[in-house]
Amino acid sequence: MENRANQVYDAIKENYLCLSKAATSRKSFKPTVSWMEYKDTVDVVIDETYTSDPEVYNGSTFLGNINLEDQSCFAFLSNQSMWRYDKRVQNSTVLDWYDGAVSQPQLVLADIIEALYPLKL
């Protein structure tokens, strides 16, 4: 099993390093980012507000929590750049973040790259 574990580790490390290189090569635009709970907003918001029911928590809930309305003139609203770490929820209660983010850091990095530098179609 050690050989298989080393293969998996090497694949994850290679993927992470590749994504890291891609992220650092995007120097033409450097967004201001706030990874936050109930704080001032900027270009991108990563909302990590705790909720006991992540399936019903949504953007309107977040805006209500911080006393904002949808028509507010914040870049993260007009660009639809609001993200949450509990995107993957299993059995309606278990957050994948606590296990998945640790075991798959390259996926976290890929998600952050997509949040900061979305593909333009």
PDB file of N, CA and C in Angstrom:
ATOM      1  N   MET A   1       0.816  -1.194   0.000  1.00  0.00           N
ATOM      2  CA  MET A   1       0.000   0.000   0.000  1.00  0.00           C
ATOM      3  C   MET A   1       0.865   1.266   0.000  1.00  0.00           C
ATOM      4  N   GLU A   2       2.100   1.141   0.484  1.00  0.00           N
ATOM      5  CA  GLU A   2       2.955   2.323   0.526  1.00  0.00           C
ATOM      6  C   GLU A   2       3.239   2.849  -0.880  1.00  0.00           C
ATOM      7  N   ASN A   3       3.471   1.956  -1.835  1.00  0.00           N
ATOM      8  CA  ASN A   3       3.703   2.399  -3.212  1.00  0.00           C
ATOM      9  C   ASN A   3       2.492   3.152  -3.761  1.00  0.00           C
ATOM     10  N   ARG A   4       1.301   2.615  -3.511  1.00  0.00           N
ATOM     11  CA  ARG A   4       0.073   3.271  -3.979  1.00  0.00           C
ATOM     12  C   ARG A   4      -0.106   4.633  -3.300  1.00  0.00           C
ATOM     13  N   ALA A   5       0.180   4.679  -2.003  1.00  0.00           N
ATOM     14  CA  ALA A   5       0.066   5.943  -1.276  1.00  0.00           C
ATOM     15  C   ALA A   5       1.035   6.978  -1.848  1.00  0.00           C
ATOM     16  N   ASN A   6       2.240   6.559  -2.181  1.00  0.00           N
ATOM     17  CA  ASN A   6       3.220   7.472  -2.769  1.00  0.00           C
ATOM     18  C   ASN A   6       2.780   7.953  -4.150  1.00  0.00           C
ATOM     19  N   GLN A   7       2.167   7.073  -4.931  1.00  0.00           N
ATOM     20  CA  GLN A   7       1.664   7.461  -6.248  1.00  0.00           C
ATOM     21  C   GLN A   7       0.566   8.516  -6.116  1.00  0.00           C
ATOM     22  N   VAL A   8      -0.351   8.282  -5.200  1.00  0.00           N
ATOM     23  CA  VAL A   8      -1.445   9.231  -4.984  1.00  0.00           C
ATOM     24  C   VAL A   8      -0.886  10.568  -4.511  1.00  0.00           C
ATOM     25  N   TYR A   9       0.023  10.518  -3.548  1.00  0.00           N
ATOM     26  CA  TYR A   9       0.630  11.750  -3.042  1.00  0.00           C
ATOM     27  C   TYR A   9       1.346  12.501  -4.162  1.00  0.00           C
ATOM     28  N   ASP A  10       2.136  11.806  -4.959  1.00  0.00           N
ATOM     29  CA  ASP A  10       2.869  12.447  -6.047  1.00  0.00           C
ATOM     30  C   ASP A  10       1.926  13.078  -7.070  1.00  0.00           C
ATOM     31  N   ALA A  11       0.830  12.406  -7.378  1.00  0.00           N
ATOM     32  CA  ALA A  11      -0.147  12.946  -8.332  1.00  0.00           C
ATOM     33  C   ALA A  11      -0.789  14.220  -7.786  1.00  0.00           C
ATOM     34  N   ILE A  12      -1.166  14.201  -6.506  1.00  0.00           N
ATOM     35  CA  ILE A  12      -1.775  15.377  -5.882  1.00  0.00           C
ATOM     36  C   ILE A  12      -0.765  16.519  -5.829  1.00  0.00           C
ATOM     37  N   LYS A  13       0.462  16.214  -5.460  1.00  0.00           N
ATOM     38  CA  LYS A  13       1.500  17.241  -5.380  1.00  0.00           C
ATOM     39  C   LYS A  13       1.770  17.846  -6.758  1.00  0.00           C
ATOM     40  N   GLU A  14       1.858  17.016  -7.782  1.00  0.00           N
ATOM     41  CA  GLU A  14       2.105  17.505  -9.138  1.00  0.00           C
ATOM     42  C   GLU A  14       0.963  18.414  -9.606  1.00  0.00           C
ATOM     43  N   ASN A  15      -0.253  17.997  -9.326  1.00  0.00           N
ATOM     44  CA  ASN A  15      -1.413  18.794  -9.700  1.00  0.00           C
ATOM     45  C   ASN A  15      -1.412  20.121  -8.958  1.00  0.00           C
ATOM     46  N   TYR A  16      -1.128  20.096  -7.674  1.00  0.00           N
ATOM     47  CA  TYR A  16      -1.089  21.309  -6.855  1.00  0.00           C
ATOM     48  C   TYR A  16      -0.018  22.279  -7.366  1.00  0.00           C
ATOM     49  N   LEU A  17       1.169  21.769  -7.646  1.00  0.00           N
ATOM     50  CA  LEU A  17       2.258  22.622  -8.123  1.00  0.00           C
ATOM     51  C   LEU A  17       1.923  23.235  -9.485  1.00  0.00           C
ATOM     52  N   CYS A  18       1.273  22.457 -10.333  1.00  0.00           N
ATOM     53  CA  CYS A  18       0.857  22.964 -11.642  1.00  0.00           C
ATOM     54  C   CYS A  18      -0.155  24.102 -11.477  1.00  0.00           C
ATOM     55  N   LEU A  19      -1.146  23.909 -10.614  1.00  0.00           N
ATOM     56  CA  LEU A  19      -2.140  24.951 -10.372  1.00  0.00           C
ATOM     57  C   LEU A  19      -1.521  26.179  -9.710  1.00  0.00           C
ATOM     58  N   SER A  20      -0.581  25.943  -8.806  1.00  0.00           N
ATOM     59  CA  SER A  20       0.097  27.045  -8.132  1.00  0.00           C
ATOM     60  C   SER A  20       0.859  27.900  -9.143  1.00  0.00           C
ATOM     61  N   LYS A  21       1.514  27.249 -10.071  1.00  0.00           N
ATOM     62  CA  LYS A  21       2.245  27.967 -11.117  1.00  0.00           C
ATOM     63  C   LYS A  21       1.273  28.764 -11.991  1.00  0.00           C
ATOM     64  N   ALA A  22       0.142  28.162 -12.325  1.00  0.00           N
ATOM     65  CA  ALA A  22      -0.866  28.850 -13.133  1.00  0.00           C
ATOM     66  C   ALA A  22      -1.414  30.070 -12.390  1.00  0.00           C
ATOM     67  N   ALA A  23      -1.622  29.935 -11.092  1.00  0.00           N
ATOM     68  CA  ALA A  23      -2.176  31.043 -10.300  1.00  0.00           C
ATOM     69  C   ALA A  23      -1.195  32.209 -10.237  1.00  0.00           C
ATOM     70  N   THR A  24       0.076  31.928 -10.066  1.00  0.00           N
ATOM     71  CA  THR A  24       1.062  33.003  -9.945  1.00  0.00           C
ATOM     72  C   THR A  24       1.369  33.653 -11.282  1.00  0.00           C
ATOM     73  N   SER A  25       1.001  33.006 -12.388  1.00  0.00           N
ATOM     74  CA  SER A  25       1.277  33.593 -13.698  1.00  0.00           C
ATOM     75  C   SER A  25       0.212  34.598 -14.114  1.00  0.00           C
ATOM     76  N   ARG A  26      -0.854  34.745 -13.352  1.00  0.00           N
ATOM     77  CA  ARG A  26      -1.957  35.656 -13.695  1.00  0.00           C
ATOM     78  C   ARG A  26      -1.753  36.993 -12.993  1.00  0.00           C
ATOM     79  N   LYS A  27      -0.804  37.746 -13.461  1.00  0.00           N
ATOM     80  CA  LYS A  27      -0.450  38.989 -12.779  1.00  0.00           C
ATOM     81  C   LYS A  27      -1.121  40.220 -13.366  1.00  0.00           C
ATOM     82  N   SER A  28      -1.840  40.083 -14.470  1.00  0.00           N
ATOM     83  CA  SER A  28      -2.447  41.255 -15.081  1.00  0.00           C
ATOM     84  C   SER A  28      -3.604  41.811 -14.243  1.00  0.00           C
ATOM     85  N   PHE A  29      -4.263  40.964 -13.483  1.00  0.00           N
ATOM     86  CA  PHE A  29      -5.373  41.406 -12.637  1.00  0.00           C
ATOM     87  C   PHE A  29      -5.212  40.774 -11.267  1.00  0.00           C
ATOM     88  N   LYS A  30      -5.149  41.617 -10.260  1.00  0.00           N
ATOM     89  CA  LYS A  30      -5.018  41.119  -8.892  1.00  0.00           C
ATOM     90  C   LYS A  30      -6.245  41.569  -8.103  1.00  0.00           C
ATOM     91  N   PRO A  31      -7.257  40.702  -7.974  1.00  0.00           N
ATOM     92  CA  PRO A  31      -8.470  41.115  -7.277  1.00  0.00           C
ATOM     93  C   PRO A  31      -8.241  41.270  -5.780  1.00  0.00           C
ATOM     94  N   THR A  32      -9.006  42.142  -5.190  1.00  0.00           N
ATOM     95  CA  THR A  32      -9.025  42.262  -3.739  1.00  0.00           C
ATOM     96  C   THR A  32     -10.029  41.239  -3.237  1.00  0.00           C
ATOM     97  N   VAL A  33      -9.618  40.383  -2.318  1.00  0.00           N
ATOM     98  CA  VAL A  33     -10.460  39.279  -1.853  1.00  0.00           C
ATOM     99  C   VAL A  33     -10.631  39.354  -0.354  1.00  0.00           C
ATOM    100  N   SER A  34     -11.825  39.078   0.094  1.00  0.00           N
ATOM    101  CA  SER A  34     -12.093  38.983   1.520  1.00  0.00           C
ATOM    102  C   SER A  34     -12.694  37.617   1.796  1.00  0.00           C
ATOM    103  N   TRP A  35     -12.009  36.814   2.569  1.00  0.00           N
ATOM    104  CA  TRP A  35     -12.523  35.524   3.009  1.00  0.00           C
ATOM    105  C   TRP A  35     -13.092  35.828   4.382  1.00  0.00           C
ATOM    106  N   MET A  36     -14.395  35.831   4.514  1.00  0.00           N
ATOM    107  CA  MET A  36     -14.950  36.527   5.654  1.00  0.00           C
ATOM    108  C   MET A  36     -16.204  35.935   6.258  1.00  0.00           C
ATOM    109  N   GLU A  37     -16.513  36.468   7.408  1.00  0.00           N
ATOM    110  CA  GLU A  37     -17.796  36.320   8.077  1.00  0.00           C
ATOM    111  C   GLU A  37     -18.192  37.706   8.549  1.00  0.00           C
ATOM    112  N   TYR A  38     -19.347  38.187   8.168  1.00  0.00           N
ATOM    113  CA  TYR A  38     -19.901  39.462   8.639  1.00  0.00           C
ATOM    114  C   TYR A  38     -18.893  40.613   8.637  1.00  0.00           C
ATOM    115  N   LYS A  39     -18.170  40.808   7.546  1.00  0.00           N
ATOM    116  CA  LYS A  39     -17.213  41.905   7.459  1.00  0.00           C
ATOM    117  C   LYS A  39     -17.464  42.707   6.179  1.00  0.00           C
ATOM    118  N   ASP A  40     -16.713  43.776   5.969  1.00  0.00           N
ATOM    119  CA  ASP A  40     -16.864  44.586   4.765  1.00  0.00           C
ATOM    120  C   ASP A  40     -16.569  43.750   3.528  1.00  0.00           C
ATOM    121  N   THR A  41     -17.182  44.123   2.423  1.00  0.00           N
ATOM    122  CA  THR A  41     -17.060  43.315   1.203  1.00  0.00           C
ATOM    123  C   THR A  41     -16.157  43.961   0.178  1.00  0.00           C
ATOM    124  N   VAL A  42     -15.681  43.141  -0.793  1.00  0.00           N
ATOM    125  CA  VAL A  42     -14.752  43.571  -1.829  1.00  0.00           C
ATOM    126  C   VAL A  42     -15.116  42.893  -3.152  1.00  0.00           C
ATOM    127  N   ASP A  43     -14.141  42.590  -4.023  1.00  0.00           N
ATOM    128  CA  ASP A  43     -14.404  41.985  -5.333  1.00  0.00           C
ATOM    129  C   ASP A  43     -14.961  40.572  -5.240  1.00  0.00           C
ATOM    130  N   VAL A  44     -14.425  39.787  -4.348  1.00  0.00           N
ATOM    131  CA  VAL A  44     -14.821  38.378  -4.190  1.00  0.00           C
ATOM    132  C   VAL A  44     -15.078  38.129  -2.714  1.00  0.00           C
ATOM    133  N   VAL A  45     -16.150  37.426  -2.399  1.00  0.00           N
ATOM    134  CA  VAL A  45     -16.446  37.074  -1.016  1.00  0.00           C
ATOM    135  C   VAL A  45     -16.471  35.556  -0.901  1.00  0.00           C
ATOM    136  N   ILE A  46     -15.729  35.040   0.047  1.00  0.00           N
ATOM    137  CA  ILE A  46     -15.798  33.620   0.395  1.00  0.00           C
ATOM    138  C   ILE A  46     -16.413  33.577   1.783  1.00  0.00           C
ATOM    139  N   ASP A  47     -17.679  33.252   1.821  1.00  0.00           N
ATOM    140  CA  ASP A  47     -18.468  33.291   3.056  1.00  0.00           C
ATOM    141  C   ASP A  47     -18.310  31.990   3.816  1.00  0.00           C
ATOM    142  N   GLU A  48     -17.749  32.083   5.000  1.00  0.00           N
ATOM    143  CA  GLU A  48     -17.611  30.878   5.821  1.00  0.00           C
ATOM    144  C   GLU A  48     -18.454  30.960   7.092  1.00  0.00           C
ATOM    145  N   THR A  49     -19.548  31.698   6.993  1.00  0.00           N
ATOM    146  CA  THR A  49     -20.469  31.812   8.110  1.00  0.00           C
ATOM    147  C   THR A  49     -21.033  30.436   8.451  1.00  0.00           C
ATOM    148  N   TYR A  50     -20.981  30.063   9.702  1.00  0.00           N
ATOM    149  CA  TYR A  50     -21.505  28.763  10.119  1.00  0.00           C
ATOM    150  C   TYR A  50     -23.021  28.735   9.963  1.00  0.00           C
ATOM    151  N   THR A  51     -23.520  27.635   9.461  1.00  0.00           N
ATOM    152  CA  THR A  51     -24.959  27.412   9.400  1.00  0.00           C
ATOM    153  C   THR A  51     -25.243  25.959   9.756  1.00  0.00           C
ATOM    154  N   SER A  52     -26.272  25.728  10.521  1.00  0.00           N
ATOM    155  CA  SER A  52     -26.619  24.354  10.887  1.00  0.00           C
ATOM    156  C   SER A  52     -27.330  23.643   9.751  1.00  0.00           C
ATOM    157  N   ASP A  53     -27.791  24.386   8.744  1.00  0.00           N
ATOM    158  CA  ASP A  53     -28.495  23.789   7.610  1.00  0.00           C
ATOM    159  C   ASP A  53     -27.958  24.369   6.301  1.00  0.00           C
ATOM    160  N   PRO A  54     -26.808  23.885   5.833  1.00  0.00           N
ATOM    161  CA  PRO A  54     -26.178  24.461   4.641  1.00  0.00           C
ATOM    162  C   PRO A  54     -26.997  24.310   3.363  1.00  0.00           C
ATOM    163  N   GLU A  55     -27.942  23.379   3.340  1.00  0.00           N
ATOM    164  CA  GLU A  55     -28.739  23.205   2.125  1.00  0.00           C
ATOM    165  C   GLU A  55     -29.690  24.371   1.878  1.00  0.00           C
ATOM    166  N   VAL A  56     -30.106  25.066   2.930  1.00  0.00           N
ATOM    167  CA  VAL A  56     -31.030  26.185   2.746  1.00  0.00           C
ATOM    168  C   VAL A  56     -30.339  27.543   2.843  1.00  0.00           C
ATOM    169  N   TYR A  57     -29.093  27.564   3.283  1.00  0.00           N
ATOM    170  CA  TYR A  57     -28.332  28.812   3.352  1.00  0.00           C
ATOM    171  C   TYR A  57     -27.997  29.237   1.929  1.00  0.00           C
ATOM    172  N   ASN A  58     -28.246  30.493   1.592  1.00  0.00           N
ATOM    173  CA  ASN A  58     -27.952  30.958   0.236  1.00  0.00           C
ATOM    174  C   ASN A  58     -27.472  32.407   0.274  1.00  0.00           C
ATOM    175  N   GLY A  59     -27.318  32.977  -0.912  1.00  0.00           N
ATOM    176  CA  GLY A  59     -26.841  34.350  -0.992  1.00  0.00           C
ATOM    177  C   GLY A  59     -27.739  35.340  -0.285  1.00  0.00           C
ATOM    178  N   SER A  60     -29.041  35.127  -0.363  1.00  0.00           N
ATOM    179  CA  SER A  60     -29.974  36.024   0.328  1.00  0.00           C
ATOM    180  C   SER A  60     -29.799  35.951   1.842  1.00  0.00           C
ATOM    181  N   THR A  61     -29.521  34.750   2.347  1.00  0.00           N
ATOM    182  CA  THR A  61     -29.275  34.581   3.779  1.00  0.00           C
ATOM    183  C   THR A  61     -28.055  35.396   4.188  1.00  0.00           C
ATOM    184  N   PHE A  62     -26.988  35.271   3.397  1.00  0.00           N
ATOM    185  CA  PHE A  62     -25.758  36.003   3.679  1.00  0.00           C
ATOM    186  C   PHE A  62     -26.017  37.512   3.689  1.00  0.00           C
ATOM    187  N   LEU A  63     -26.692  37.992   2.649  1.00  0.00           N
ATOM    188  CA  LEU A  63     -26.969  39.426   2.558  1.00  0.00           C
ATOM    189  C   LEU A  63     -27.821  39.903   3.726  1.00  0.00           C
ATOM    190  N   GLY A  64     -28.774  39.085   4.139  1.00  0.00           N
ATOM    191  CA  GLY A  64     -29.590  39.432   5.306  1.00  0.00           C
ATOM    192  C   GLY A  64     -28.758  39.486   6.572  1.00  0.00           C
ATOM    193  N   ASN A  65     -27.822  38.553   6.705  1.00  0.00           N
ATOM    194  CA  ASN A  65     -26.964  38.521   7.895  1.00  0.00           C
ATOM    195  C   ASN A  65     -26.116  39.780   8.028  1.00  0.00           C
ATOM    196  N   ILE A  66     -25.677  40.312   6.898  1.00  0.00           N
ATOM    197  CA  ILE A  66     -24.817  41.502   6.967  1.00  0.00           C
ATOM    198  C   ILE A  66     -25.591  42.785   6.656  1.00  0.00           C
ATOM    199  N   ASN A  67     -26.915  42.676   6.601  1.00  0.00           N
ATOM    200  CA  ASN A  67     -27.789  43.840   6.419  1.00  0.00           C
ATOM    201  C   ASN A  67     -27.591  44.546   5.083  1.00  0.00           C
ATOM    202  N   LEU A  68     -27.468  43.780   3.996  1.00  0.00           N
ATOM    203  CA  LEU A  68     -27.341  44.338   2.653  1.00  0.00           C
ATOM    204  C   LEU A  68     -28.517  43.885   1.811  1.00  0.00           C
ATOM    205  N   GLU A  69     -28.834  44.665   0.810  1.00  0.00           N
ATOM    206  CA  GLU A  69     -29.859  44.280  -0.145  1.00  0.00           C
ATOM    207  C   GLU A  69     -29.195  43.931  -1.469  1.00  0.00           C
ATOM    208  N   ASP A  70     -29.855  43.117  -2.275  1.00  0.00           N
ATOM    209  CA  ASP A  70     -29.305  42.685  -3.564  1.00  0.00           C
ATOM    210  C   ASP A  70     -28.897  43.849  -4.459  1.00  0.00           C
ATOM    211  N   GLN A  71     -29.588  44.959  -4.376  1.00  0.00           N
ATOM    212  CA  GLN A  71     -29.280  46.061  -5.266  1.00  0.00           C
ATOM    213  C   GLN A  71     -28.087  46.896  -4.804  1.00  0.00           C
ATOM    214  N   SER A  72     -27.412  46.489  -3.749  1.00  0.00           N
ATOM    215  CA  SER A  72     -26.224  47.211  -3.292  1.00  0.00           C
ATOM    216  C   SER A  72     -25.158  47.187  -4.378  1.00  0.00           C
ATOM    217  N   CYS A  73     -24.376  48.234  -4.451  1.00  0.00           N
ATOM    218  CA  CYS A  73     -23.385  48.373  -5.527  1.00  0.00           C
ATOM    219  C   CYS A  73     -22.019  47.836  -5.114  1.00  0.00           C
ATOM    220  N   PHE A  74     -21.959  46.585  -4.765  1.00  0.00           N
ATOM    221  CA  PHE A  74     -20.688  45.953  -4.427  1.00  0.00           C
ATOM    222  C   PHE A  74     -20.263  45.079  -5.597  1.00  0.00           C
ATOM    223  N   ALA A  75     -18.970  45.096  -5.893  1.00  0.00           N
ATOM    224  CA  ALA A  75     -18.466  44.326  -7.031  1.00  0.00           C
ATOM    225  C   ALA A  75     -18.773  42.837  -6.894  1.00  0.00           C
ATOM    226  N   PHE A  76     -18.691  42.288  -5.683  1.00  0.00           N
ATOM    227  CA  PHE A  76     -18.925  40.854  -5.532  1.00  0.00           C
ATOM    228  C   PHE A  76     -20.368  40.484  -5.871  1.00  0.00           C
ATOM    229  N   LEU A  77     -21.316  41.441  -5.726  1.00  0.00           N
ATOM    230  CA  LEU A  77     -22.707  41.177  -6.095  1.00  0.00           C
ATOM    231  C   LEU A  77     -22.896  41.292  -7.605  1.00  0.00           C
ATOM    232  N   SER A  78     -22.389  42.371  -8.195  1.00  0.00           N
ATOM    233  CA  SER A  78     -22.577  42.555  -9.633  1.00  0.00           C
ATOM    234  C   SER A  78     -21.821  41.502 -10.441  1.00  0.00           C
ATOM    235  N   ASN A  79     -20.702  41.019  -9.927  1.00  0.00           N
ATOM    236  CA  ASN A  79     -19.925  39.971 -10.616  1.00  0.00           C
ATOM    237  C   ASN A  79     -20.329  38.563 -10.209  1.00  0.00           C
ATOM    238  N   GLN A  80     -21.294  38.462  -9.317  1.00  0.00           N
ATOM    239  CA  GLN A  80     -21.734  37.162  -8.785  1.00  0.00           C
ATOM    240  C   GLN A  80     -20.538  36.354  -8.285  1.00  0.00           C
ATOM    241  N   SER A  81     -19.719  36.983  -7.462  1.00  0.00           N
ATOM    242  CA  SER A  81     -18.510  36.353  -6.930  1.00  0.00           C
ATOM    243  C   SER A  81     -18.632  36.138  -5.435  1.00  0.00           C
ATOM    244  N   MET A  82     -19.614  35.356  -5.050  1.00  0.00           N
ATOM    245  CA  MET A  82     -19.788  34.995  -3.653  1.00  0.00           C
ATOM    246  C   MET A  82     -19.694  33.479  -3.563  1.00  0.00           C
ATOM    247  N   TRP A  83     -18.805  32.995  -2.730  1.00  0.00           N
ATOM    248  CA  TRP A  83     -18.499  31.566  -2.654  1.00  0.00           C
ATOM    249  C   TRP A  83     -18.615  31.087  -1.218  1.00  0.00           C
ATOM    250  N   ARG A  84     -18.853  29.783  -1.067  1.00  0.00           N
ATOM    251  CA  ARG A  84     -18.910  29.166   0.257  1.00  0.00           C
ATOM    252  C   ARG A  84     -18.048  27.918   0.284  1.00  0.00           C
ATOM    253  N   TYR A  85     -17.528  27.627   1.457  1.00  0.00           N
ATOM    254  CA  TYR A  85     -16.692  26.433   1.606  1.00  0.00           C
ATOM    255  C   TYR A  85     -17.517  25.174   1.816  1.00  0.00           C
ATOM    256  N   ASP A  86     -18.805  25.291   2.029  1.00  0.00           N
ATOM    257  CA  ASP A  86     -19.634  24.098   2.254  1.00  0.00           C
ATOM    258  C   ASP A  86     -20.428  23.713   1.005  1.00  0.00           C
ATOM    259  N   LYS A  87     -19.826  23.926  -0.161  1.00  0.00           N
ATOM    260  CA  LYS A  87     -20.485  23.610  -1.419  1.00  0.00           C
ATOM    261  C   LYS A  87     -20.897  22.144  -1.478  1.00  0.00           C
ATOM    262  N   ARG A  88     -20.040  21.270  -1.019  1.00  0.00           N
ATOM    263  CA  ARG A  88     -20.349  19.842  -1.031  1.00  0.00           C
ATOM    264  C   ARG A  88     -20.817  19.418   0.353  1.00  0.00           C
ATOM    265  N   VAL A  89     -22.063  19.048   0.442  1.00  0.00           N
ATOM    266  CA  VAL A  89     -22.664  18.627   1.703  1.00  0.00           C
ATOM    267  C   VAL A  89     -23.145  17.196   1.520  1.00  0.00           C
ATOM    268  N   GLN A  90     -22.784  16.333   2.459  1.00  0.00           N
ATOM    269  CA  GLN A  90     -23.211  14.944   2.381  1.00  0.00           C
ATOM    270  C   GLN A  90     -24.197  14.654   3.502  1.00  0.00           C
ATOM    271  N   ASN A  91     -25.217  13.898   3.186  1.00  0.00           N
ATOM    272  CA  ASN A  91     -26.229  13.509   4.171  1.00  0.00           C
ATOM    273  C   ASN A  91     -26.876  14.713   4.838  1.00  0.00           C
ATOM    274  N   SER A  92     -26.945  15.829   4.142  1.00  0.00           N
ATOM    275  CA  SER A  92     -27.571  17.064   4.619  1.00  0.00           C
ATOM    276  C   SER A  92     -26.897  17.692   5.829  1.00  0.00           C
ATOM    277  N   THR A  93     -25.833  17.108   6.352  1.00  0.00           N
ATOM    278  CA  THR A  93     -25.210  17.687   7.540  1.00  0.00           C
ATOM    279  C   THR A  93     -23.688  17.691   7.485  1.00  0.00           C
ATOM    280  N   VAL A  94     -23.066  16.719   6.858  1.00  0.00           N
ATOM    281  CA  VAL A  94     -21.610  16.589   6.895  1.00  0.00           C
ATOM    282  C   VAL A  94     -20.974  17.455   5.814  1.00  0.00           C
ATOM    283  N   LEU A  95     -20.105  18.371   6.227  1.00  0.00           N
ATOM    284  CA  LEU A  95     -19.415  19.234   5.278  1.00  0.00           C
ATOM    285  C   LEU A  95     -18.157  18.548   4.776  1.00  0.00           C
ATOM    286  N   ASP A  96     -17.997  18.502   3.473  1.00  0.00           N
ATOM    287  CA  ASP A  96     -16.828  17.882   2.862  1.00  0.00           C
ATOM    288  C   ASP A  96     -15.554  18.681   3.128  1.00  0.00           C
ATOM    289  N   TRP A  97     -15.689  19.960   3.443  1.00  0.00           N
ATOM    290  CA  TRP A  97     -14.538  20.842   3.613  1.00  0.00           C
ATOM    291  C   TRP A  97     -13.512  20.295   4.595  1.00  0.00           C
ATOM    292  N   TYR A  98     -13.961  19.790   5.712  1.00  0.00           N
ATOM    293  CA  TYR A  98     -13.029  19.390   6.771  1.00  0.00           C
ATOM    294  C   TYR A  98     -12.199  18.166   6.406  1.00  0.00           C
ATOM    295  N   ASP A  99     -12.706  17.317   5.537  1.00  0.00           N
ATOM    296  CA  ASP A  99     -11.922  16.166   5.082  1.00  0.00           C
ATOM    297  C   ASP A  99     -11.359  16.410   3.685  1.00  0.00           C
ATOM    298  N   GLY A 100     -12.213  16.827   2.779  1.00  0.00           N
ATOM    299  CA  GLY A 100     -11.819  16.993   1.387  1.00  0.00           C
ATOM    300  C   GLY A 100     -10.749  18.036   1.177  1.00  0.00           C
ATOM    301  N   ALA A 101     -10.839  19.150   1.875  1.00  0.00           N
ATOM    302  CA  ALA A 101      -9.854  20.219   1.693  1.00  0.00           C
ATOM    303  C   ALA A 101      -8.476  19.792   2.159  1.00  0.00           C
ATOM    304  N   VAL A 102      -8.438  18.971   3.179  1.00  0.00           N
ATOM    305  CA  VAL A 102      -7.151  18.504   3.703  1.00  0.00           C
ATOM    306  C   VAL A 102      -6.541  17.449   2.786  1.00  0.00           C
ATOM    307  N   SER A 103      -7.368  16.522   2.313  1.00  0.00           N
ATOM    308  CA  SER A 103      -6.852  15.423   1.497  1.00  0.00           C
ATOM    309  C   SER A 103      -6.708  15.786   0.024  1.00  0.00           C
ATOM    310  N   GLN A 104      -7.361  16.855  -0.423  1.00  0.00           N
ATOM    311  CA  GLN A 104      -7.321  17.252  -1.833  1.00  0.00           C
ATOM    312  C   GLN A 104      -7.022  18.755  -1.968  1.00  0.00           C
ATOM    313  N   PRO A 105      -5.853  19.200  -1.503  1.00  0.00           N
ATOM    314  CA  PRO A 105      -5.577  20.641  -1.535  1.00  0.00           C
ATOM    315  C   PRO A 105      -5.560  21.211  -2.942  1.00  0.00           C
ATOM    316  N   GLN A 106      -5.243  20.391  -3.936  1.00  0.00           N
ATOM    317  CA  GLN A 106      -5.228  20.891  -5.309  1.00  0.00           C
ATOM    318  C   GLN A 106      -6.635  21.271  -5.775  1.00  0.00           C
ATOM    319  N   LEU A 107      -7.669  20.608  -5.248  1.00  0.00           N
ATOM    320  CA  LEU A 107      -9.044  20.968  -5.604  1.00  0.00           C
ATOM    321  C   LEU A 107      -9.436  22.306  -4.973  1.00  0.00           C
ATOM    322  N   VAL A 108      -8.976  22.537  -3.745  1.00  0.00           N
ATOM    323  CA  VAL A 108      -9.223  23.825  -3.095  1.00  0.00           C
ATOM    324  C   VAL A 108      -8.552  24.936  -3.896  1.00  0.00           C
ATOM    325  N   LEU A 109      -7.313  24.704  -4.285  1.00  0.00           N
ATOM    326  CA  LEU A 109      -6.584  25.701  -5.062  1.00  0.00           C
ATOM    327  C   LEU A 109      -7.277  25.953  -6.401  1.00  0.00           C
ATOM    328  N   ALA A 110      -7.730  24.895  -7.058  1.00  0.00           N
ATOM    329  CA  ALA A 110      -8.434  25.055  -8.335  1.00  0.00           C
ATOM    330  C   ALA A 110      -9.715  25.868  -8.147  1.00  0.00           C
ATOM    331  N   ASP A 111     -10.444  25.609  -7.069  1.00  0.00           N
ATOM    332  CA  ASP A 111     -11.670  26.360  -6.797  1.00  0.00           C
ATOM    333  C   ASP A 111     -11.372  27.835  -6.525  1.00  0.00           C
ATOM    334  N   ILE A 112     -10.301  28.106  -5.787  1.00  0.00           N
ATOM    335  CA  ILE A 112      -9.942  29.494  -5.491  1.00  0.00           C
ATOM    336  C   ILE A 112      -9.510  30.217  -6.764  1.00  0.00           C
ATOM    337  N   ILE A 113      -8.757  29.527  -7.624  1.00  0.00           N
ATOM    338  CA  ILE A 113      -8.375  30.129  -8.908  1.00  0.00           C
ATOM    339  C   ILE A 113      -9.621  30.472  -9.713  1.00  0.00           C
ATOM    340  N   GLU A 114     -10.582  29.566  -9.749  1.00  0.00           N
ATOM    341  CA  GLU A 114     -11.829  29.820 -10.492  1.00  0.00           C
ATOM    342  C   GLU A 114     -12.606  30.979  -9.878  1.00  0.00           C
ATOM    343  N   ALA A 115     -12.595  31.098  -8.558  1.00  0.00           N
ATOM    344  CA  ALA A 115     -13.303  32.204  -7.903  1.00  0.00           C
ATOM    345  C   ALA A 115     -12.644  33.541  -8.221  1.00  0.00           C
ATOM    346  N   LEU A 116     -11.326  33.590  -8.241  1.00  0.00           N
ATOM    347  CA  LEU A 116     -10.614  34.846  -8.458  1.00  0.00           C
ATOM    348  C   LEU A 116     -10.450  35.197  -9.931  1.00  0.00           C
ATOM    349  N   TYR A 117     -10.316  34.167 -10.764  1.00  0.00           N
ATOM    350  CA  TYR A 117     -10.074  34.372 -12.191  1.00  0.00           C
ATOM    351  C   TYR A 117     -11.046  33.508 -13.000  1.00  0.00           C
ATOM    352  N   PRO A 118     -12.332  33.823 -12.985  1.00  0.00           N
ATOM    353  CA  PRO A 118     -13.299  32.984 -13.691  1.00  0.00           C
ATOM    354  C   PRO A 118     -13.044  32.979 -15.196  1.00  0.00           C
ATOM    355  N   LEU A 119     -13.347  31.856 -15.809  1.00  0.00           N
ATOM    356  CA  LEU A 119     -13.220  31.748 -17.252  1.00  0.00           C
ATOM    357  C   LEU A 119     -14.270  32.628 -17.920  1.00  0.00           C
ATOM    358  N   LYS A 120     -13.866  33.367 -18.884  1.00  0.00           N
ATOM    359  CA  LYS A 120     -14.782  34.223 -19.633  1.00  0.00           C
ATOM    360  C   LYS A 120     -15.207  33.456 -20.890  1.00  0.00           C
ATOM    361  N   LEU A 121     -16.485  33.243 -21.034  1.00  0.00           N
ATOM    362  CA  LEU A 121     -16.988  32.527 -22.215  1.00  0.00           C
ATOM    363  C   LEU A 121     -17.510  33.482 -23.259  1.00  0.00           C
TER     364      LEU A 121
END
